[in-house]
Protein backbone atom coordinates (compact mmCIF):
# COMPACT_ATOMS: atom_id res chain seq x y z
CA MET A 1 -7.04 -3.25 -21.79
CA SER A 2 -9.58 -1.82 -19.42
CA SER A 3 -9.10 -1.32 -15.73
CA THR A 4 -11.54 -1.58 -12.86
CA PRO A 5 -10.11 0.05 -9.74
CA GLY A 6 -10.86 -1.87 -6.59
CA GLY A 7 -13.19 -4.18 -8.44
CA PHE A 8 -15.73 -1.45 -9.27
CA ASP A 9 -17.29 -0.39 -12.53
CA ARG A 10 -14.73 1.55 -14.52
CA ARG A 11 -17.10 4.17 -15.93
CA ASN A 12 -18.38 5.03 -12.46
CA PHE A 13 -14.83 5.21 -11.15
CA LEU A 14 -13.73 7.59 -13.86
CA ARG A 15 -16.71 9.85 -13.10
CA THR A 16 -16.00 10.00 -9.39
CA SER A 17 -12.31 9.34 -8.92
CA GLY A 18 -10.07 11.69 -7.01
CA ILE A 19 -7.25 10.74 -4.74
CA ALA A 20 -8.47 9.05 -1.55
CA ALA A 21 -11.43 11.18 -0.53
CA ALA A 22 -11.93 12.43 2.99
CA ALA A 23 -14.78 10.27 4.25
CA ILE A 24 -15.11 7.54 6.80
CA PHE A 25 -18.12 6.64 8.87
CA GLY A 26 -17.86 6.79 12.64
CA GLY A 27 -20.44 5.95 15.30
CA ALA A 28 -23.47 5.57 13.07
CA ALA A 29 -24.71 2.20 11.88
CA LEU A 30 -23.22 1.05 8.61
CA ALA A 31 -25.18 -1.39 6.55
CA ALA A 32 -24.68 -1.90 2.84
CA CYS A 33 -27.00 -3.89 0.64
CA THR A 34 -24.69 -5.23 -2.03
CA SER A 35 -21.28 -6.83 -2.16
CA ALA A 36 -18.35 -4.87 -3.50
CA VAL A 37 -17.43 -7.88 -5.58
CA SER A 38 -20.95 -8.30 -6.95
CA GLU A 39 -20.82 -4.76 -8.31
CA GLN A 40 -18.08 -5.65 -10.77
CA LYS A 41 -19.07 -5.20 -14.39
CA GLY A 42 -17.10 -7.73 -16.35
CA GLY A 43 -14.28 -6.04 -18.19
CA GLY A 44 -15.65 -2.58 -17.52
CA ASP A 45 -15.63 -1.62 -21.23
CA ASP A 46 -17.44 -2.61 -24.42
CA ALA A 47 -15.52 -5.84 -24.91
CA THR A 48 -17.53 -9.01 -24.39
CA PRO A 49 -16.10 -11.09 -21.53
CA VAL A 50 -14.39 -14.28 -22.62
CA ARG A 51 -13.94 -17.28 -20.35
CA GLY A 52 -10.70 -19.18 -20.04
CA GLY A 53 -7.09 -18.49 -20.78
CA THR A 54 -3.94 -17.76 -18.81
CA LEU A 55 -2.88 -14.26 -17.85
CA LYS A 56 0.90 -13.94 -17.61
CA VAL A 57 2.15 -11.00 -15.58
CA ALA A 58 5.70 -9.83 -14.94
CA ILE A 59 6.59 -8.79 -11.39
CA ASN A 60 9.89 -7.28 -10.32
CA ALA A 61 10.82 -9.41 -7.28
CA ASP A 62 10.20 -12.84 -5.85
CA LEU A 63 7.95 -13.46 -2.90
CA VAL A 64 9.56 -13.59 0.54
CA PRO A 65 7.11 -15.90 2.35
CA ALA A 66 7.83 -14.49 5.81
CA ASN A 67 6.68 -11.06 4.56
CA ILE A 68 3.25 -12.21 3.36
CA LEU A 69 1.39 -9.91 5.81
CA THR A 70 3.64 -6.88 5.39
CA ASN A 71 2.26 -5.35 2.17
CA THR A 72 5.80 -4.36 1.17
CA THR A 73 6.32 -5.75 -2.36
CA THR A 74 4.47 -6.32 -5.61
CA ALA A 75 4.81 -10.08 -5.08
CA VAL A 76 3.14 -9.90 -1.68
CA SER A 77 0.31 -7.65 -2.89
CA SER A 78 -0.27 -9.86 -5.94
CA VAL A 79 -0.51 -13.08 -3.92
CA VAL A 80 -2.78 -11.53 -1.30
CA GLY A 81 -5.04 -9.99 -3.96
CA LEU A 82 -5.42 -13.24 -5.88
CA VAL A 83 -5.77 -15.72 -3.01
CA TYR A 84 -7.24 -13.83 -0.06
CA GLU A 85 -10.10 -11.53 0.81
CA SER A 86 -10.76 -9.11 3.66
CA LEU A 87 -13.93 -8.35 5.56
CA ILE A 88 -14.64 -5.04 3.82
CA ARG A 89 -13.12 -3.19 0.90
CA TYR A 90 -12.74 0.50 0.32
CA PRO A 91 -13.44 1.80 -3.16
CA ASN A 92 -10.30 3.45 -4.44
CA ASP A 93 -11.70 6.96 -4.63
CA LYS A 94 -13.01 7.29 -1.07
CA LEU A 95 -12.87 5.92 2.45
CA GLU A 96 -16.36 4.44 2.57
CA PRO A 97 -16.21 0.72 3.48
CA GLN A 98 -18.08 -1.65 1.19
CA PRO A 99 -19.08 -5.26 1.96
CA LEU A 100 -16.87 -8.17 1.04
CA LEU A 101 -16.78 -11.12 3.44
CA ALA A 102 -18.75 -9.06 5.94
CA LYS A 103 -22.11 -8.17 4.45
CA SER A 104 -23.06 -5.55 7.06
CA TRP A 105 -21.79 -4.07 10.31
CA GLN A 106 -22.61 -1.64 13.09
CA LEU A 107 -20.12 0.51 14.96
CA ALA A 108 -21.22 1.38 18.49
CA PRO A 109 -21.86 5.08 19.26
CA ASP A 110 -18.86 5.14 21.61
CA ALA A 111 -16.68 3.44 18.95
CA ARG A 112 -15.69 0.78 21.49
CA SER A 113 -17.21 -2.17 19.64
CA ILE A 114 -18.26 -3.21 16.18
CA SER A 115 -20.57 -6.06 15.20
CA LEU A 116 -20.05 -7.86 11.89
CA ASP A 117 -22.54 -9.99 9.99
CA LEU A 118 -20.76 -12.37 7.63
CA ARG A 119 -21.61 -14.06 4.37
CA ASP A 120 -22.80 -17.63 4.76
CA ASP A 121 -21.88 -18.84 1.27
CA VAL A 122 -18.08 -18.59 1.42
CA THR A 123 -15.61 -21.48 1.61
CA PHE A 124 -11.85 -21.67 1.80
CA HIS A 125 -9.98 -23.24 -1.10
CA SER A 126 -9.80 -26.42 1.00
CA GLY A 127 -13.60 -26.60 1.03
CA ARG A 128 -13.97 -25.63 4.68
CA PRO A 129 -16.72 -23.05 5.38
CA PHE A 130 -15.71 -19.53 6.40
CA THR A 131 -17.10 -18.59 9.84
CA ALA A 132 -16.72 -16.05 12.61
CA LYS A 133 -13.95 -18.16 14.15
CA ASP A 134 -11.82 -17.36 11.09
CA VAL A 135 -12.31 -13.64 11.71
CA GLU A 136 -11.03 -14.00 15.25
CA PHE A 137 -8.13 -16.19 14.15
CA SER A 138 -7.06 -13.81 11.38
CA LEU A 139 -7.17 -10.69 13.53
CA ARG A 140 -5.27 -12.40 16.35
CA THR A 141 -2.68 -13.71 13.89
CA TYR A 142 -2.22 -10.29 12.29
CA ALA A 143 -1.69 -8.77 15.74
CA ASP A 144 1.15 -11.22 16.44
CA ALA A 145 4.49 -9.40 16.23
CA LYS A 146 6.09 -12.30 14.31
CA TRP A 147 4.21 -11.32 11.15
CA SER A 148 5.20 -7.62 11.22
CA GLY A 149 1.79 -6.48 10.02
CA GLN A 150 1.84 -2.72 9.53
CA LEU A 151 -1.55 -2.24 11.23
CA ARG A 152 -0.58 -4.44 14.16
CA SER A 153 -1.19 -1.68 16.72
CA THR A 154 -4.76 -1.31 15.50
CA ALA A 155 -5.25 -5.08 15.52
CA ALA A 156 -3.92 -5.17 19.08
CA ALA A 157 -6.62 -2.66 20.10
CA VAL A 158 -9.20 -5.39 19.42
CA THR A 159 -9.28 -7.16 22.78
CA GLY A 160 -12.64 -8.96 22.73
CA PHE A 161 -14.10 -11.46 20.29
CA ASP A 162 -17.71 -12.42 20.98
CA ILE A 163 -18.78 -15.10 18.50
CA VAL A 164 -22.57 -14.87 18.57
CA SER A 165 -23.04 -17.37 15.73
CA PRO A 166 -21.04 -18.74 12.80
CA THR A 167 -22.04 -15.62 10.83
CA ARG A 168 -21.93 -12.95 13.53
CA ILE A 169 -19.05 -11.63 15.65
CA VAL A 170 -18.73 -8.61 17.91
CA LEU A 171 -15.28 -7.06 18.27
CA THR A 172 -14.53 -5.07 21.42
CA LEU A 173 -11.84 -2.40 21.34
CA ASP A 174 -9.58 -1.48 24.21
CA ASN A 175 -9.91 2.14 23.14
CA PRO A 176 -11.61 3.95 20.24
CA VAL A 177 -9.47 4.06 17.09
CA ASN A 178 -10.59 5.94 14.03
CA ASN A 179 -8.93 3.54 11.57
CA ILE A 180 -10.80 0.36 12.50
CA PHE A 181 -12.15 0.06 8.95
CA ASP A 182 -8.61 0.38 7.59
CA LEU A 183 -7.85 -2.75 9.61
CA LEU A 184 -10.89 -4.62 8.32
CA ASP A 185 -9.97 -3.65 4.77
CA THR A 186 -6.37 -4.77 5.21
CA VAL A 187 -6.32 -8.06 7.16
CA PRO A 188 -6.62 -11.09 4.86
CA ILE A 189 -8.83 -13.87 6.19
CA LEU A 190 -6.43 -16.72 6.87
CA ASP A 191 -6.88 -20.48 7.08
CA SER A 192 -6.10 -21.72 10.59
CA GLU A 193 -5.50 -25.27 9.37
CA THR A 194 -2.53 -24.31 7.23
CA ILE A 195 -1.10 -21.35 9.13
CA ASP A 196 2.16 -23.21 9.83
CA GLN A 197 2.80 -23.29 6.08
CA LEU A 198 2.07 -19.61 5.50
CA GLY A 199 5.48 -18.30 6.52
CA THR A 200 7.35 -21.05 4.70
CA GLY A 201 5.58 -20.49 1.40
CA ASP A 202 4.43 -24.10 1.15
CA THR A 203 0.80 -23.17 0.61
CA TYR A 204 -1.62 -20.26 0.63
CA ILE A 205 -5.27 -21.05 1.40
CA GLY A 206 -7.81 -18.24 1.25
CA THR A 207 -11.33 -17.53 0.03
CA GLY A 208 -10.37 -15.48 -3.02
CA PRO A 209 -10.98 -15.93 -6.75
CA PHE A 210 -7.75 -17.85 -7.40
CA LYS A 211 -6.15 -20.87 -5.76
CA TYR A 212 -2.42 -21.10 -5.19
CA VAL A 213 -0.82 -23.92 -7.22
CA ARG A 214 2.92 -23.65 -6.74
CA ARG A 215 5.94 -21.41 -6.49
CA VAL A 216 9.19 -21.83 -8.35
CA PRO A 217 11.60 -19.67 -6.31
CA ASN A 218 12.96 -16.67 -8.22
CA SER A 219 10.96 -17.73 -11.24
CA GLN A 220 7.17 -18.11 -11.02
CA LEU A 221 4.05 -18.07 -8.87
CA ILE A 222 1.15 -19.99 -10.38
CA PHE A 223 -2.57 -19.79 -9.58
CA GLU A 224 -5.72 -21.37 -10.99
CA LYS A 225 -9.35 -20.27 -10.80
CA ASN A 226 -11.36 -21.11 -7.71
CA PRO A 227 -14.38 -23.02 -9.09
CA ALA A 228 -16.24 -22.56 -5.80
CA TYR A 229 -15.80 -18.80 -5.64
CA HIS A 230 -18.77 -17.07 -4.03
CA VAL A 231 -19.29 -14.62 -6.91
CA PRO A 232 -21.27 -16.43 -9.63
CA ASP A 233 -19.44 -17.08 -12.91
CA ARG A 234 -16.17 -15.55 -11.68
CA PRO A 235 -13.32 -15.42 -12.29
CA TYR A 236 -13.19 -15.49 -16.08
CA LEU A 237 -9.55 -16.57 -16.30
CA ASP A 238 -8.50 -20.19 -15.81
CA ARG A 239 -5.04 -19.35 -14.62
CA VAL A 240 -2.68 -16.54 -13.60
CA GLU A 241 1.09 -16.87 -13.81
CA LEU A 242 3.33 -14.30 -12.14
CA THR A 243 6.80 -14.36 -13.66
CA VAL A 244 9.66 -12.90 -11.63
CA ILE A 245 11.77 -10.63 -13.85
CA THR A 246 14.00 -8.44 -11.73
CA ASP A 247 15.51 -6.42 -14.58
CA ARG A 248 13.16 -3.76 -15.92
CA GLN A 249 14.56 -3.92 -19.44
CA ALA A 250 13.94 -7.66 -19.44
CA GLN A 251 10.38 -7.01 -18.22
CA LEU A 252 9.86 -4.60 -21.10
CA ASN A 253 11.22 -7.10 -23.61
CA ALA A 254 9.00 -9.86 -22.22
CA LEU A 255 5.92 -7.67 -22.64
CA LYS A 256 6.80 -6.52 -26.15
CA SER A 257 7.63 -10.06 -27.27
CA GLY A 258 4.39 -11.49 -25.88
CA GLN A 259 6.00 -13.67 -23.21
CA VAL A 260 3.81 -11.82 -20.73
CA ALA A 261 0.63 -9.85 -21.36
CA ALA A 262 1.05 -7.38 -18.50
CA ALA A 263 3.71 -5.92 -16.26
CA ILE A 264 3.53 -4.04 -12.98
CA ASP A 265 5.76 -1.04 -12.32
CA LEU A 266 7.89 -0.78 -15.43
CA ASP A 267 10.30 2.09 -15.78
CA TYR A 268 8.13 5.19 -16.30
CA ARG A 269 9.89 6.22 -19.51
CA ASP A 270 9.43 2.74 -20.96
CA ALA A 271 5.76 2.79 -19.99
CA GLU A 272 5.38 6.22 -21.59
CA ASN A 273 6.82 4.87 -24.84
CA LEU A 274 4.63 1.78 -24.67
CA GLY A 275 1.59 4.03 -24.52
CA LYS A 276 2.69 5.66 -27.75
CA ASP A 277 3.02 2.21 -29.34
CA GLY A 278 -0.56 1.15 -28.61
CA TYR A 279 -0.12 -0.54 -25.27
CA GLN A 280 -2.33 0.44 -22.36
CA VAL A 281 -0.73 2.13 -19.35
CA VAL A 282 -2.90 2.72 -16.30
CA ASN A 283 -2.05 4.74 -13.19
CA LEU A 284 -3.25 3.01 -10.02
CA GLU A 285 -5.05 6.08 -8.74
CA GLY A 286 -6.33 5.93 -5.19
CA ALA A 287 -3.46 3.61 -4.28
CA GLU A 288 -0.73 6.24 -4.10
CA LEU A 289 2.87 5.58 -3.28
CA GLN A 290 5.02 8.40 -1.92
CA THR A 291 8.75 8.49 -2.50
CA TYR A 292 10.86 9.88 0.30
CA VAL A 293 14.37 10.18 1.73
CA GLY A 294 14.65 8.40 5.06
CA VAL A 295 17.10 9.51 7.74
CA ASN A 296 18.71 7.53 10.55
CA VAL A 297 18.68 10.28 13.15
CA THR A 298 21.13 8.38 15.38
CA GLU A 299 23.86 8.86 12.77
CA PRO A 300 25.84 11.76 14.33
CA ALA A 301 26.05 13.72 11.09
CA LEU A 302 22.26 13.62 10.74
CA ALA A 303 21.27 14.15 14.37
CA ASP A 304 21.20 17.94 13.93
CA VAL A 305 17.79 18.85 12.50
CA ARG A 306 19.43 21.70 10.55
CA VAL A 307 21.21 19.12 8.39
CA ARG A 308 17.89 17.40 7.73
CA GLN A 309 16.33 20.77 6.89
CA ALA A 310 19.16 21.43 4.45
CA ILE A 311 18.41 18.12 2.73
CA ALA A 312 14.72 19.04 2.53
CA PHE A 313 15.50 22.39 0.89
CA ALA A 314 18.03 20.79 -1.50
CA LEU A 315 15.72 18.22 -3.09
CA ASP A 316 14.59 18.96 -6.63
CA ARG A 317 11.18 17.34 -6.34
CA GLU A 318 9.83 18.77 -9.57
CA ARG A 319 12.72 17.29 -11.54
CA ILE A 320 12.20 13.83 -10.03
CA VAL A 321 8.47 13.89 -10.80
CA ALA A 322 9.06 15.11 -14.35
CA GLU A 323 12.10 13.03 -15.31
CA VAL A 324 11.78 9.85 -13.26
CA PHE A 325 8.00 9.53 -12.83
CA ARG A 326 7.33 11.10 -16.26
CA GLY A 327 4.58 13.20 -14.69
CA ALA A 328 2.76 10.22 -13.12
CA GLY A 329 2.66 11.94 -9.74
CA TYR A 330 3.28 15.31 -8.09
CA PRO A 331 5.73 16.88 -5.61
CA LEU A 332 5.02 16.89 -1.87
CA ASN A 333 6.52 18.14 1.39
CA VAL A 334 3.84 16.51 3.53
CA PRO A 335 3.17 12.76 3.69
CA TRP A 336 -0.46 13.03 2.56
CA PRO A 337 -1.88 12.88 -0.97
CA LYS A 338 -3.94 15.85 -2.05
CA GLY A 339 -7.30 14.19 -1.38
CA SER A 340 -6.48 13.31 2.22
CA PRO A 341 -8.25 15.09 5.10
CA ALA A 342 -4.75 15.74 6.45
CA TYR A 343 -3.48 17.55 3.35
CA ASP A 344 -2.76 21.25 3.79
CA GLU A 345 -1.37 23.31 0.91
CA THR A 346 0.39 25.87 3.12
CA ARG A 347 2.28 23.20 5.00
CA ASN A 348 3.08 21.50 1.70
CA THR A 349 5.21 24.46 0.59
CA LYS A 350 7.45 24.67 3.69
CA TYR A 351 10.49 23.07 2.04
CA THR A 352 10.36 24.04 -1.60
CA ARG A 353 13.76 23.86 -3.30
CA ASN A 354 16.11 26.59 -2.04
CA VAL A 355 19.80 25.80 -2.52
CA ALA A 356 21.00 29.01 -0.85
CA LYS A 357 18.91 28.31 2.25
CA ALA A 358 20.19 24.72 2.34
CA LYS A 359 23.82 25.88 2.20
CA GLU A 360 23.19 28.44 4.93
CA LEU A 361 21.75 25.80 7.26
CA LEU A 362 24.58 23.40 6.54
CA SER A 363 27.19 26.07 7.29
CA GLN A 364 25.95 26.33 10.88
CA GLY A 365 27.58 23.03 11.87
CA PRO A 366 30.48 20.75 10.97
CA LYS A 367 30.61 19.38 7.43
CA PRO A 368 29.03 15.91 7.32
CA PRO A 369 31.26 12.99 6.27
CA LYS A 370 30.46 11.01 3.15
CA LEU A 371 27.20 9.16 3.84
CA PRO A 372 25.73 5.97 2.32
CA LEU A 373 22.48 6.44 0.37
CA THR A 374 20.73 3.06 0.33
CA PHE A 375 17.99 2.11 -2.14
CA PRO A 376 16.28 -1.03 -3.52
CA PRO A 377 15.88 -2.02 -7.20
CA GLY A 378 14.00 0.54 -9.27
CA TYR A 379 15.12 3.63 -7.37
CA GLY A 380 18.50 4.23 -9.01
CA ALA A 381 17.42 7.21 -11.12
CA THR A 382 15.87 8.95 -8.12
CA ALA A 383 18.95 8.18 -6.02
CA GLN A 384 21.22 9.76 -8.62
CA ILE A 385 19.23 13.00 -8.64
CA VAL A 386 19.17 13.10 -4.84
CA GLN A 387 22.91 12.45 -4.78
CA ALA A 388 23.47 15.38 -7.17
CA ASN A 389 21.15 17.64 -5.15
CA LEU A 390 23.05 16.92 -1.94
CA ALA A 391 26.44 17.33 -3.59
CA GLU A 392 25.32 20.78 -4.73
CA ILE A 393 24.97 21.91 -1.10
CA GLY A 394 28.08 20.11 0.17
CA ILE A 395 26.83 16.71 1.35
CA GLU A 396 28.65 13.82 -0.32
CA THR A 397 26.89 10.47 -0.57
CA GLU A 398 27.83 7.01 -1.75
CA LEU A 399 25.13 5.12 -3.64
CA ASP A 400 24.34 1.85 -1.87
CA PRO A 401 22.02 -0.36 -3.96
CA VAL A 402 20.67 -3.50 -2.23
CA ASP A 403 18.29 -6.27 -3.24
CA ALA A 404 14.62 -6.01 -2.29
CA ALA A 405 14.71 -8.62 0.50
CA THR A 406 17.71 -6.97 2.15
CA PHE A 407 16.07 -3.58 1.90
CA VAL A 408 12.86 -4.75 3.60
CA LYS A 409 14.94 -6.35 6.36
CA GLN A 410 16.78 -3.08 6.91
CA LEU A 411 13.52 -1.11 6.86
CA THR A 412 11.72 -3.26 9.41
CA GLY A 413 14.82 -3.87 11.52
CA GLN A 414 15.99 -0.23 11.86
CA GLN A 415 19.25 -1.18 10.13
CA PHE A 416 19.89 1.70 7.71
CA ARG A 417 23.27 3.34 8.27
CA ALA A 418 22.41 6.89 7.22
CA LEU A 419 20.09 7.83 4.33
CA TRP A 420 17.77 5.74 2.18
CA ILE A 421 15.23 6.17 -0.60
CA THR A 422 12.04 4.20 -1.08
CA ASP A 423 8.26 4.63 -1.07
CA HIS A 424 5.77 4.61 1.72
CA SER A 425 2.10 3.87 1.46
CA TRP A 426 -0.91 4.06 3.84
CA ALA A 427 -1.29 7.83 3.50
CA GLN A 428 -4.28 7.16 1.22
CA PHE A 429 -6.10 5.63 4.20
CA VAL A 430 -7.34 7.33 7.37
CA PRO A 431 -4.38 9.61 8.24
CA SER A 432 -3.82 8.14 11.69
CA THR A 433 -2.98 4.78 10.12
CA LEU A 434 0.28 6.18 8.76
CA THR A 435 1.73 7.30 12.07
CA ALA A 436 0.22 4.58 14.23
CA SER A 437 1.20 1.71 11.96
CA ALA A 438 3.46 2.16 8.94
CA TYR A 439 7.09 1.13 9.57
CA PRO A 440 8.73 4.41 8.50
CA PHE A 441 6.33 6.59 10.52
CA ASN A 442 5.39 4.53 13.57
CA ALA A 443 5.62 6.90 16.51
CA ARG A 444 6.68 4.14 18.89
CA ARG A 445 9.25 2.37 16.74
CA ASN A 446 10.25 3.56 13.29
CA SER A 447 12.95 2.90 10.74
CA SER A 448 14.68 6.22 11.52
CA ARG A 449 15.08 5.50 15.25
CA TYR A 450 13.28 8.81 15.82
CA ASP A 451 11.96 9.12 19.37
CA SER A 452 9.89 12.18 20.26
CA PRO A 453 7.31 12.49 23.06
CA ALA A 454 5.66 15.37 21.19
CA TYR A 455 5.36 13.32 17.99
CA LEU A 456 4.01 10.32 19.91
CA ALA A 457 1.42 12.50 21.63
CA ALA A 458 0.31 14.00 18.30
CA ALA A 459 0.08 10.56 16.67
CA ASP A 460 -1.95 9.13 19.54
CA ALA A 461 -4.28 12.13 19.60
CA ALA A 462 -5.05 11.65 15.90
CA TRP A 463 -5.47 7.86 16.23
CA ARG A 464 -7.86 8.05 19.18
CA GLN A 465 -10.24 10.49 17.53
CA PRO A 466 -13.69 8.87 17.22
CA ARG A 467 -14.03 10.11 13.64
CA GLY A 468 -11.63 10.06 10.73
CA THR A 469 -12.80 13.39 9.30
CA GLY A 470 -14.33 16.63 10.48
CA PRO A 471 -12.90 19.74 12.17
CA ASP A 472 -11.70 17.96 15.33
CA ALA A 473 -9.90 15.25 13.37
CA GLU A 474 -8.38 17.77 10.96
CA ARG A 475 -6.94 19.81 13.85
CA THR A 476 -5.15 16.72 15.12
CA TYR A 477 -3.84 16.00 11.62
CA GLN A 478 -2.45 19.52 11.30
CA ALA A 479 -0.64 19.14 14.62
CA LEU A 480 0.69 15.80 13.43
CA THR A 481 1.91 17.29 10.15
CA ASP A 482 3.70 20.04 12.06
CA GLN A 483 5.54 17.43 14.13
CA LEU A 484 6.62 15.62 10.97
CA LEU A 485 7.85 18.80 9.31
CA GLU A 486 9.75 19.82 12.42
CA GLY A 487 11.35 16.44 13.08
CA LEU A 488 12.12 15.66 9.41
CA PHE A 489 13.18 12.10 10.08
CA LEU A 490 11.49 11.39 6.75
CA ILE A 491 11.76 13.90 3.93
CA GLU A 492 9.05 13.64 1.30
CA ILE A 493 9.73 13.87 -2.43
CA GLY A 494 6.32 13.25 -3.95
CA VAL A 495 3.48 10.98 -4.98
CA ARG A 496 4.08 8.44 -7.69
CA TYR A 497 1.48 6.15 -9.19
CA LEU A 498 2.25 2.50 -9.67
CA GLN A 499 1.29 1.48 -13.20
CA TYR A 500 -0.09 -1.49 -15.06
CA SER A 501 1.28 -1.82 -18.59
CA ALA A 502 -0.48 -4.37 -20.76
CA ALA A 503 -1.34 -5.57 -24.21
CA GLY A 504 -4.67 -4.48 -25.64
CA LYS A 505 -6.13 -7.97 -25.27
CA VAL A 506 -6.19 -7.66 -21.48
CA HIS A 507 -9.43 -6.33 -19.98
CA GLY A 508 -10.64 -5.67 -16.46
CA LEU A 509 -7.41 -5.37 -14.48
CA SER A 510 -8.22 -4.00 -11.05
CA TRP A 511 -6.54 -3.10 -7.79
CA THR A 512 -7.23 -2.28 -4.17
CA LYS A 513 -6.10 0.77 -2.24
CA ARG A 514 -3.08 -1.31 -1.20
CA ARG A 515 -2.29 -2.06 -4.87
CA GLU A 516 -3.31 -5.69 -4.52
CA ALA A 517 -4.12 -7.35 -7.83
CA VAL A 518 -7.85 -7.92 -8.32
CA PHE A 519 -8.29 -10.09 -11.39
CA THR A 520 -11.81 -11.35 -10.64
CA ASP A 521 -13.24 -9.65 -13.73
CA THR A 522 -10.13 -9.83 -15.89
CA PHE A 523 -10.37 -11.57 -19.26
CA LEU A 524 -8.43 -11.93 -22.48
CA SER A 525 -9.96 -11.04 -25.84
């Protein structure tokens, strides 16, 4: 199997890849000459592309249709990646927007407007032409609170839509935001004619390389190639079938027996062993996930920041990375991957494991009662280590496993009782996106019920910077990091890479920075 991150040539990616690099363009004109999709190089290796065939992929949870714009599960990211496209796409190794449905753009010097020139050769799967009206509709829909889009606050900053022609639109912003390209990379272009069926799961109509065929609840999602796709001679595959297999051992067995040719996010130890047996295992670099312990700060036992500090000092991050992630990641105290303009090594060592310090902090207040530790499927091993770490300093916890749909509901609805474990994303984008948008971190309403004027001020200062990088932006990010390390409503464990595991016959698997499946150049040999 070969992999093509973000739809780009694999050899070039391997030469230049780091974790999300610190670059985004600000007030200068941005105009690119080629499409990100057109730069794809077949399978990205020496295998000769083959047309036809069905790629069968195991995913670990069914799609929840109402969550289609939340980017919270593998099912959601797979459907969006196959069916939909955005206006621009970041390469996975840097924050430099590349053309997709928008072929060029210009950001005003004051960062208060951006003009977009669109492709004129794109149609929806229904046959209807894509126009500037669809850009306005999609951004307005994403900004609607009913969809719980994680970049909704940025979408809401777009207050003017001047449709100059079917292929040109000017967006006016209520205030400068330095993550506008994150928004344009994230929002899928939606079909206004079928929007009522989007949340029910009856149909998904986009402009992407694959057309939605049907869904068998808790079983399968089926797609077929889009014969009118705007990239010539793509996709290679005739069909993609996503098979829902919630048990990781069953996923492994399905891959080894040939029932599926690829699986997303197997147990790390199983993936490690597969690699020894000749299977291909690929880390989705540039699309980092970060595992953390979340804290409901309104739970009386956790309201005292010293208790949260004790938890931070107790965590054995190195053990979790080594034993659970099998080295496919690295420990962190801060919520930023190492390539982020917000990453700071000194701040990243503030809460290295120190059991004595944790016990000392905990002794300064009443002993906490036994607390629930909630987690979704796939996080049991991490939860057990965290439980043991906390027991070592005198905090008892009760493991509280829940299904994926329930967990997402609790996350977005501020319903966790005490502690929880999961991943967050978005830190690989412009740093302000994390604290302005992502559910766990949102300074105005977050899963922890954490309310801090100082944190809100720091988040807004970072978000309203005209540039995403540079000394001024980095100063705001450092102030933001300090607020996060002082408040500790989220306690970082470390980066982990999602993985593709696949048979050798699979070539050209790709992904976006949001881990969306990009199978435009995928083929079977």
